Structure formats: C-alpha cells, structure tokens
Amino acid sequence: MLDRFRAFWTKVISPVAHLLIRLGVSADAVTLVGTLGVCAGALVFFPQGKLLTGVLVISAFVFSDLIDGYMARLTGKSSPFGAFLDSTLDRIGDGAIFAGLALYFAGDGDSRLYLALCLVCLVMGAVTSYARARAEGLGFQAKVGIAERADRLVAILAMTGLSGIFDLPVLLYVALWALAVASTVTVVQRVWVVREQARALPPVEPGL
C-alpha cells in the first residue's frame, strides 16, 4: 500500500544520499547506523514513557532504509550481501520498537494485557517476514496479506506519536489490537497461499 510513496520520498532523501556518497560513506554503514538509531530510540525512550520523543528519533533513522538502497543503486554497488544485511537489520529494528513498547507496559504503562499484545505483534511480525522469505526460498510466492512491514511500521509509529502528543493511551491500545490481529491474519494468509501453490505441484514419485 505504501510503495506508491517510495518515489516521492526517494526524491526527498536524494540530496542526503549524494552527500554521503561524496563523503565516502557506504550503503552498508548507513544501514547499520539507521538500525542502531531505531533501536536506541525505541529501547531508550519508550521504556521511560517518552513516546513522542522515541517516535521522532525512530522516524529520523527509518529513512535510512530508503537512503541505503538508493545509494547502492546510484553507485552500482548493490549486492546480495547488502540486501541480506538490510533485511536482517530491518527485523532487528522492528523487534526493538515492539520490545521498547513492551518494556513501557511492563513499567510505567503498567498493563500485562498490552505487554502481551506487544509481544504478539513482535512475534507475528517476525513470522510474517519469515514466512515470505522461507516460501521464496522454496520457490513459492507469498507476498500477500493485509499487514505488510511498511504498513505495520507507519501504523505503530503514527499512533504511538499521537498517543504521546494528545495524552490518549487509547490510540496506542487500538493500534496494538489492530496490528496483533492484522499480523496474525497475514501469517495465516501466507501459509494458505503457499499451501495452495504446493498442492498444485505434480506429485513426487516415491524413490525405488
């Protein structure tokens, strides 16, 4: 759903990318720094209840996910390792966001229910990405579902930020319920799609 805005944001961040290239910064370094920034924003500020500050810090570093890819394409240095590193660190950053919120609910947020929902979002978000990667590794397609990574990321950051601005915890609560359900449904959708593709394959002859 959010891919349609990628071209717009690429134009916005292109001057930064060109500057980094002139300074000799590699795309992999941008990927690593961006992930460290996201993790710091989530794990330092969220547990303290500084939700808006955490969202602003995370949002600033999230754009590295566009910058590094643009830099790699511009310099002609796209590589399988770069793609692997980017995807792996994306999972770490996503996990840190929900881990930070879980720590908040374990402390100042004081809610076991929403602590549990954060963990559900963390786990099912990881499984969503794994299901697609594993399916593609086996030769299937599993790019389906109502909760792609970009949608989940924007939703949780936007609602957490608004919750902090207006002091309305209910906004964060609604986001967590919606993402927990949507992520679970997405996992089920991907399992079902792969199952149907596997059933359409010709039967394997038993070995003699």
C-alpha atoms as a PDB file:
ATOM      1  CA  MET A   1       0.000   0.000   0.000  1.00  0.00           C
ATOM      2  CA  LEU A   2       2.804   2.413   0.907  1.00  0.00           C
ATOM      3  CA  ASP A   3       5.087   1.548  -2.016  1.00  0.00           C
ATOM      4  CA  ARG A   4       3.357   4.226  -4.086  1.00  0.00           C
ATOM      5  CA  PHE A   5       5.038   6.898  -1.913  1.00  0.00           C
ATOM      6  CA  ARG A   6       8.539   5.460  -2.328  1.00  0.00           C
ATOM      7  CA  ALA A   7       9.318   7.591  -5.410  1.00  0.00           C
ATOM      8  CA  PHE A   8       8.333  10.775  -3.560  1.00  0.00           C
ATOM      9  CA  TRP A   9      10.478  10.013  -0.515  1.00  0.00           C
ATOM     10  CA  THR A  10      13.381   8.971  -2.715  1.00  0.00           C
ATOM     11  CA  LYS A  11      13.391  12.471  -4.211  1.00  0.00           C
ATOM     12  CA  VAL A  12      13.316  13.968  -0.723  1.00  0.00           C
ATOM     13  CA  ILE A  13      16.287  11.976   0.581  1.00  0.00           C
ATOM     14  CA  SER A  14      18.364  12.015  -2.614  1.00  0.00           C
ATOM     15  CA  PRO A  15      20.411  15.112  -1.615  1.00  0.00           C
ATOM     16  CA  VAL A  16      21.405  13.385   1.634  1.00  0.00           C
ATOM     17  CA  ALA A  17      22.358  10.249  -0.267  1.00  0.00           C
ATOM     18  CA  HIS A  18      24.518  12.216  -2.716  1.00  0.00           C
ATOM     19  CA  LEU A  19      26.274  13.962   0.187  1.00  0.00           C
ATOM     20  CA  LEU A  20      27.032  10.670   1.929  1.00  0.00           C
ATOM     21  CA  ILE A  21      28.427   9.210  -1.287  1.00  0.00           C
ATOM     22  CA  ARG A  22      30.731  12.221  -1.710  1.00  0.00           C
ATOM     23  CA  LEU A  23      31.911  11.720   1.865  1.00  0.00           C
ATOM     24  CA  GLY A  24      32.753   8.097   1.101  1.00  0.00           C
ATOM     25  CA  VAL A  25      30.094   6.576   3.354  1.00  0.00           C
ATOM     26  CA  SER A  26      28.960   3.116   2.252  1.00  0.00           C
ATOM     27  CA  ALA A  27      25.350   1.976   1.954  1.00  0.00           C
ATOM     28  CA  ASP A  28      26.008  -0.826   4.458  1.00  0.00           C
ATOM     29  CA  ALA A  29      27.257   1.733   7.003  1.00  0.00           C
ATOM     30  CA  VAL A  30      24.041   3.736   6.566  1.00  0.00           C
ATOM     31  CA  THR A  31      22.023   0.563   7.095  1.00  0.00           C
ATOM     32  CA  LEU A  32      23.876  -0.221  10.317  1.00  0.00           C
ATOM     33  CA  VAL A  33      23.694   3.319  11.723  1.00  0.00           C
ATOM     34  CA  GLY A  34      19.997   3.540  10.864  1.00  0.00           C
ATOM     35  CA  THR A  35      19.244   0.322  12.733  1.00  0.00           C
ATOM     36  CA  LEU A  36      21.257   1.435  15.759  1.00  0.00           C
ATOM     37  CA  GLY A  37      19.330   4.723  15.785  1.00  0.00           C
ATOM     38  CA  VAL A  38      15.961   2.966  15.605  1.00  0.00           C
ATOM     39  CA  CYS A  39      16.954   0.596  18.419  1.00  0.00           C
ATOM     40  CA  ALA A  40      18.213   3.458  20.575  1.00  0.00           C
ATOM     41  CA  GLY A  41      15.032   5.491  20.045  1.00  0.00           C
ATOM     42  CA  ALA A  42      12.827   2.530  20.923  1.00  0.00           C
ATOM     43  CA  LEU A  43      14.773   0.989  23.794  1.00  0.00           C
ATOM     44  CA  VAL A  44      15.888   4.215  25.483  1.00  0.00           C
ATOM     45  CA  PHE A  45      12.815   6.458  25.236  1.00  0.00           C
ATOM     46  CA  PHE A  46       9.811   4.116  25.077  1.00  0.00           C
ATOM     47  CA  PRO A  47      10.517   2.367  28.413  1.00  0.00           C
ATOM     48  CA  GLN A  48      10.696   5.802  30.082  1.00  0.00           C
ATOM     49  CA  GLY A  49       7.251   6.711  28.753  1.00  0.00           C
ATOM     50  CA  LYS A  50       8.728   9.310  26.355  1.00  0.00           C
ATOM     51  CA  LEU A  51       6.658   8.016  23.479  1.00  0.00           C
ATOM     52  CA  LEU A  52       6.727  11.088  21.241  1.00  0.00           C
ATOM     53  CA  THR A  53      10.489  11.544  21.637  1.00  0.00           C
ATOM     54  CA  GLY A  54      11.025   7.895  20.796  1.00  0.00           C
ATOM     55  CA  VAL A  55       8.859   8.148  17.686  1.00  0.00           C
ATOM     56  CA  LEU A  56      10.687  11.248  16.455  1.00  0.00           C
ATOM     57  CA  VAL A  57      14.095   9.621  16.921  1.00  0.00           C
ATOM     58  CA  ILE A  58      12.963   6.393  15.246  1.00  0.00           C
ATOM     59  CA  SER A  59      11.348   8.257  12.340  1.00  0.00           C
ATOM     60  CA  ALA A  60      14.553  10.183  11.698  1.00  0.00           C
ATOM     61  CA  PHE A  61      16.509   6.955  11.338  1.00  0.00           C
ATOM     62  CA  VAL A  62      13.835   4.965   9.496  1.00  0.00           C
ATOM     63  CA  PHE A  63      14.614   6.951   6.346  1.00  0.00           C
ATOM     64  CA  SER A  64      17.988   5.225   6.235  1.00  0.00           C
ATOM     65  CA  ASP A  65      16.060   2.265   4.811  1.00  0.00           C
ATOM     66  CA  LEU A  66      15.445   4.337   1.683  1.00  0.00           C
ATOM     67  CA  ILE A  67      18.820   6.083   1.666  1.00  0.00           C
ATOM     68  CA  ASP A  68      20.946   2.937   1.712  1.00  0.00           C
ATOM     69  CA  GLY A  69      19.077   1.307  -1.162  1.00  0.00           C
ATOM     70  CA  TYR A  70      19.227   4.489  -3.232  1.00  0.00           C
ATOM     71  CA  MET A  71      22.971   4.823  -2.542  1.00  0.00           C
ATOM     72  CA  ALA A  72      23.635   1.224  -3.565  1.00  0.00           C
ATOM     73  CA  ARG A  73      21.766   1.655  -6.847  1.00  0.00           C
ATOM     74  CA  LEU A  74      23.389   5.012  -7.569  1.00  0.00           C
ATOM     75  CA  THR A  75      26.915   3.737  -7.026  1.00  0.00           C
ATOM     76  CA  GLY A  76      26.251   0.403  -8.737  1.00  0.00           C
ATOM     77  CA  LYS A  77      27.258  -1.444  -5.593  1.00  0.00           C
ATOM     78  CA  SER A  78      24.055  -3.353  -4.937  1.00  0.00           C
ATOM     79  CA  SER A  79      24.961  -6.830  -3.721  1.00  0.00           C
ATOM     80  CA  PRO A  80      23.295  -9.952  -2.331  1.00  0.00           C
ATOM     81  CA  PHE A  81      25.045  -9.331   0.986  1.00  0.00           C
ATOM     82  CA  GLY A  82      23.753  -5.759   1.119  1.00  0.00           C
ATOM     83  CA  ALA A  83      20.192  -6.979   0.544  1.00  0.00           C
ATOM     84  CA  PHE A  84      20.652  -9.673   3.192  1.00  0.00           C
ATOM     85  CA  LEU A  85      22.077  -7.190   5.705  1.00  0.00           C
ATOM     86  CA  ASP A  86      19.278  -4.703   5.065  1.00  0.00           C
ATOM     87  CA  SER A  87      16.528  -7.290   5.562  1.00  0.00           C
ATOM     88  CA  THR A  88      18.167  -8.754   8.660  1.00  0.00           C
ATOM     89  CA  LEU A  89      18.664  -5.382  10.332  1.00  0.00           C
ATOM     90  CA  ASP A  90      15.101  -4.373   9.431  1.00  0.00           C
ATOM     91  CA  ARG A  91      13.881  -7.289  11.541  1.00  0.00           C
ATOM     92  CA  ILE A  92      16.048  -6.130  14.457  1.00  0.00           C
ATOM     93  CA  GLY A  93      14.713  -2.589  14.222  1.00  0.00           C
ATOM     94  CA  ASP A  94      11.097  -3.738  14.043  1.00  0.00           C
ATOM     95  CA  GLY A  95      11.623  -6.026  17.022  1.00  0.00           C
ATOM     96  CA  ALA A  96      13.204  -3.200  19.035  1.00  0.00           C
ATOM     97  CA  ILE A  97      10.140  -0.993  18.533  1.00  0.00           C
ATOM     98  CA  PHE A  98       7.739  -3.534  19.997  1.00  0.00           C
ATOM     99  CA  ALA A  99      10.263  -4.585  22.645  1.00  0.00           C
ATOM    100  CA  GLY A 100      10.530  -0.952  23.747  1.00  0.00           C
ATOM    101  CA  LEU A 101       6.750  -0.679  23.989  1.00  0.00           C
ATOM    102  CA  ALA A 102       6.634  -3.985  25.890  1.00  0.00           C
ATOM    103  CA  LEU A 103       9.129  -2.569  28.409  1.00  0.00           C
ATOM    104  CA  TYR A 104       6.950   0.515  28.737  1.00  0.00           C
ATOM    105  CA  PHE A 105       3.903  -1.567  29.591  1.00  0.00           C
ATOM    106  CA  ALA A 106       6.000  -3.648  31.976  1.00  0.00           C
ATOM    107  CA  GLY A 107       6.931  -0.412  33.776  1.00  0.00           C
ATOM    108  CA  ASP A 108       5.175   2.962  33.698  1.00  0.00           C
ATOM    109  CA  GLY A 109       2.450   1.715  31.336  1.00  0.00           C
ATOM    110  CA  ASP A 110       1.576  -0.955  33.896  1.00  0.00           C
ATOM    111  CA  SER A 111      -0.503  -3.294  31.753  1.00  0.00           C
ATOM    112  CA  ARG A 112       0.093  -7.010  31.353  1.00  0.00           C
ATOM    113  CA  LEU A 113      -2.539  -7.149  28.621  1.00  0.00           C
ATOM    114  CA  TYR A 114      -0.801  -4.626  26.391  1.00  0.00           C
ATOM    115  CA  LEU A 115       2.600  -6.051  27.289  1.00  0.00           C
ATOM    116  CA  ALA A 116       1.301  -9.356  25.904  1.00  0.00           C
ATOM    117  CA  LEU A 117      -0.093  -7.641  22.784  1.00  0.00           C
ATOM    118  CA  CYS A 118       3.299  -6.029  22.136  1.00  0.00           C
ATOM    119  CA  LEU A 119       4.877  -9.471  22.273  1.00  0.00           C
ATOM    120  CA  VAL A 120       2.229 -10.858  19.905  1.00  0.00           C
ATOM    121  CA  CYS A 121       2.959  -8.032  17.451  1.00  0.00           C
ATOM    122  CA  LEU A 122       6.698  -8.654  17.784  1.00  0.00           C
ATOM    123  CA  VAL A 123       6.448 -12.395  17.186  1.00  0.00           C
ATOM    124  CA  MET A 124       3.823 -12.339  14.439  1.00  0.00           C
ATOM    125  CA  GLY A 125       5.604  -9.509  12.639  1.00  0.00           C
ATOM    126  CA  ALA A 126       8.778 -11.600  12.578  1.00  0.00           C
ATOM    127  CA  VAL A 127       6.866 -14.691  11.424  1.00  0.00           C
ATOM    128  CA  THR A 128       5.196 -12.657   8.660  1.00  0.00           C
ATOM    129  CA  SER A 129       8.584 -11.765   7.212  1.00  0.00           C
ATOM    130  CA  TYR A 130       9.983 -15.254   7.777  1.00  0.00           C
ATOM    131  CA  ALA A 131       7.025 -16.918   6.050  1.00  0.00           C
ATOM    132  CA  ARG A 132       7.604 -14.902   2.895  1.00  0.00           C
ATOM    133  CA  ALA A 133      11.379 -15.439   2.929  1.00  0.00           C
ATOM    134  CA  ARG A 134      11.019 -19.178   3.526  1.00  0.00           C
ATOM    135  CA  ALA A 135       8.343 -19.503   0.840  1.00  0.00           C
ATOM    136  CA  GLU A 136      10.503 -17.714  -1.720  1.00  0.00           C
ATOM    137  CA  GLY A 137      13.460 -19.901  -0.720  1.00  0.00           C
ATOM    138  CA  LEU A 138      11.340 -22.924  -1.656  1.00  0.00           C
ATOM    139  CA  GLY A 139      10.272 -21.414  -4.966  1.00  0.00           C
ATOM    140  CA  PHE A 140       6.827 -20.150  -3.917  1.00  0.00           C
ATOM    141  CA  GLN A 141       5.360 -16.660  -3.767  1.00  0.00           C
ATOM    142  CA  ALA A 142       3.915 -15.290  -0.532  1.00  0.00           C
ATOM    143  CA  LYS A 143       3.746 -11.527  -0.976  1.00  0.00           C
ATOM    144  CA  VAL A 144       0.170 -11.323   0.250  1.00  0.00           C
ATOM    145  CA  GLY A 145      -1.548 -10.137   3.395  1.00  0.00           C
ATOM    146  CA  ILE A 146      -3.291  -7.185   4.985  1.00  0.00           C
ATOM    147  CA  ALA A 147      -0.277  -6.071   7.036  1.00  0.00           C
ATOM    148  CA  GLU A 148       2.936  -5.565   5.075  1.00  0.00           C
ATOM    149  CA  ARG A 149       6.008  -4.376   7.006  1.00  0.00           C
ATOM    150  CA  ALA A 150       5.735  -0.740   5.883  1.00  0.00           C
ATOM    151  CA  ASP A 151       2.065  -0.588   6.885  1.00  0.00           C
ATOM    152  CA  ARG A 152       2.804  -2.010  10.340  1.00  0.00           C
ATOM    153  CA  LEU A 153       5.688   0.374  10.880  1.00  0.00           C
ATOM    154  CA  VAL A 154       3.798   3.504   9.886  1.00  0.00           C
ATOM    155  CA  ALA A 155       0.727   2.491  11.899  1.00  0.00           C
ATOM    156  CA  ILE A 156       2.565   1.833  15.156  1.00  0.00           C
ATOM    157  CA  LEU A 157       4.750   4.936  14.899  1.00  0.00           C
ATOM    158  CA  ALA A 158       1.878   7.232  13.957  1.00  0.00           C
ATOM    159  CA  MET A 159      -0.453   6.001  16.696  1.00  0.00           C
ATOM    160  CA  THR A 160       2.286   5.945  19.330  1.00  0.00           C
ATOM    161  CA  GLY A 161       3.254   9.505  18.422  1.00  0.00           C
ATOM    162  CA  LEU A 162      -0.337  10.738  18.524  1.00  0.00           C
ATOM    163  CA  SER A 163      -0.826   8.947  21.824  1.00  0.00           C
ATOM    164  CA  GLY A 164       2.117  10.904  23.231  1.00  0.00           C
ATOM    165  CA  ILE A 165       1.046  14.256  21.752  1.00  0.00           C
ATOM    166  CA  PHE A 166      -2.563  14.156  22.933  1.00  0.00           C
ATOM    167  CA  ASP A 167      -2.008  12.015  26.034  1.00  0.00           C
ATOM    168  CA  LEU A 168      -4.534   9.495  24.721  1.00  0.00           C
ATOM    169  CA  PRO A 169      -3.263   5.979  25.506  1.00  0.00           C
ATOM    170  CA  VAL A 170      -6.336   4.545  23.806  1.00  0.00           C
ATOM    171  CA  LEU A 171      -4.789   5.378  20.424  1.00  0.00           C
ATOM    172  CA  LEU A 172      -1.838   3.119  21.158  1.00  0.00           C
ATOM    173  CA  TYR A 173      -4.154   0.448  22.520  1.00  0.00           C
ATOM    174  CA  VAL A 174      -6.224   0.450  19.330  1.00  0.00           C
ATOM    175  CA  ALA A 175      -3.064   0.249  17.200  1.00  0.00           C
ATOM    176  CA  LEU A 176      -1.733  -2.739  19.126  1.00  0.00           C
ATOM    177  CA  TRP A 177      -5.015  -4.648  18.878  1.00  0.00           C
ATOM    178  CA  ALA A 178      -5.283  -3.887  15.158  1.00  0.00           C
ATOM    179  CA  LEU A 179      -1.685  -4.893  14.430  1.00  0.00           C
ATOM    180  CA  ALA A 180      -1.871  -8.059  16.514  1.00  0.00           C
ATOM    181  CA  VAL A 181      -4.934  -9.177  14.556  1.00  0.00           C
ATOM    182  CA  ALA A 182      -3.655  -7.992  11.166  1.00  0.00           C
ATOM    183  CA  SER A 183      -0.241  -9.631  11.597  1.00  0.00           C
ATOM    184  CA  THR A 184      -1.833 -12.922  12.624  1.00  0.00           C
ATOM    185  CA  VAL A 185      -4.218 -12.815   9.665  1.00  0.00           C
ATOM    186  CA  THR A 186      -1.306 -12.069   7.338  1.00  0.00           C
ATOM    187  CA  VAL A 187       0.602 -15.112   8.592  1.00  0.00           C
ATOM    188  CA  VAL A 188      -2.459 -17.287   8.006  1.00  0.00           C
ATOM    189  CA  GLN A 189      -2.899 -15.815   4.511  1.00  0.00           C
ATOM    190  CA  ARG A 190       0.703 -16.571   3.594  1.00  0.00           C
ATOM    191  CA  VAL A 191       0.522 -20.109   4.906  1.00  0.00           C
ATOM    192  CA  TRP A 192      -2.667 -20.691   2.947  1.00  0.00           C
ATOM    193  CA  VAL A 193      -1.258 -19.247  -0.289  1.00  0.00           C
ATOM    194  CA  VAL A 194       1.867 -21.394  -0.061  1.00  0.00           C
ATOM    195  CA  ARG A 195      -0.257 -24.447   0.764  1.00  0.00           C
ATOM    196  CA  GLU A 196      -2.318 -23.911  -2.389  1.00  0.00           C
ATOM    197  CA  GLN A 197       0.799 -23.494  -4.529  1.00  0.00           C
ATOM    198  CA  ALA A 198       2.327 -26.644  -3.032  1.00  0.00           C
ATOM    199  CA  ARG A 199      -0.843 -28.646  -3.670  1.00  0.00           C
ATOM    200  CA  ALA A 200      -0.746 -27.584  -7.342  1.00  0.00           C
ATOM    201  CA  LEU A 201       2.686 -29.140  -7.825  1.00  0.00           C
ATOM    202  CA  PRO A 202       2.854 -32.565  -9.543  1.00  0.00           C
ATOM    203  CA  PRO A 203       3.184 -35.434  -7.057  1.00  0.00           C
ATOM    204  CA  VAL A 204       6.667 -36.613  -6.272  1.00  0.00           C
ATOM    205  CA  GLU A 205       7.324 -40.168  -7.355  1.00  0.00           C
ATOM    206  CA  PRO A 206       8.480 -42.344  -4.446  1.00  0.00           C
ATOM    207  CA  GLY A 207      12.062 -43.469  -4.673  1.00  0.00           C
ATOM    208  CA  LEU A 208      12.745 -47.019  -5.722  1.00  0.00           C
END
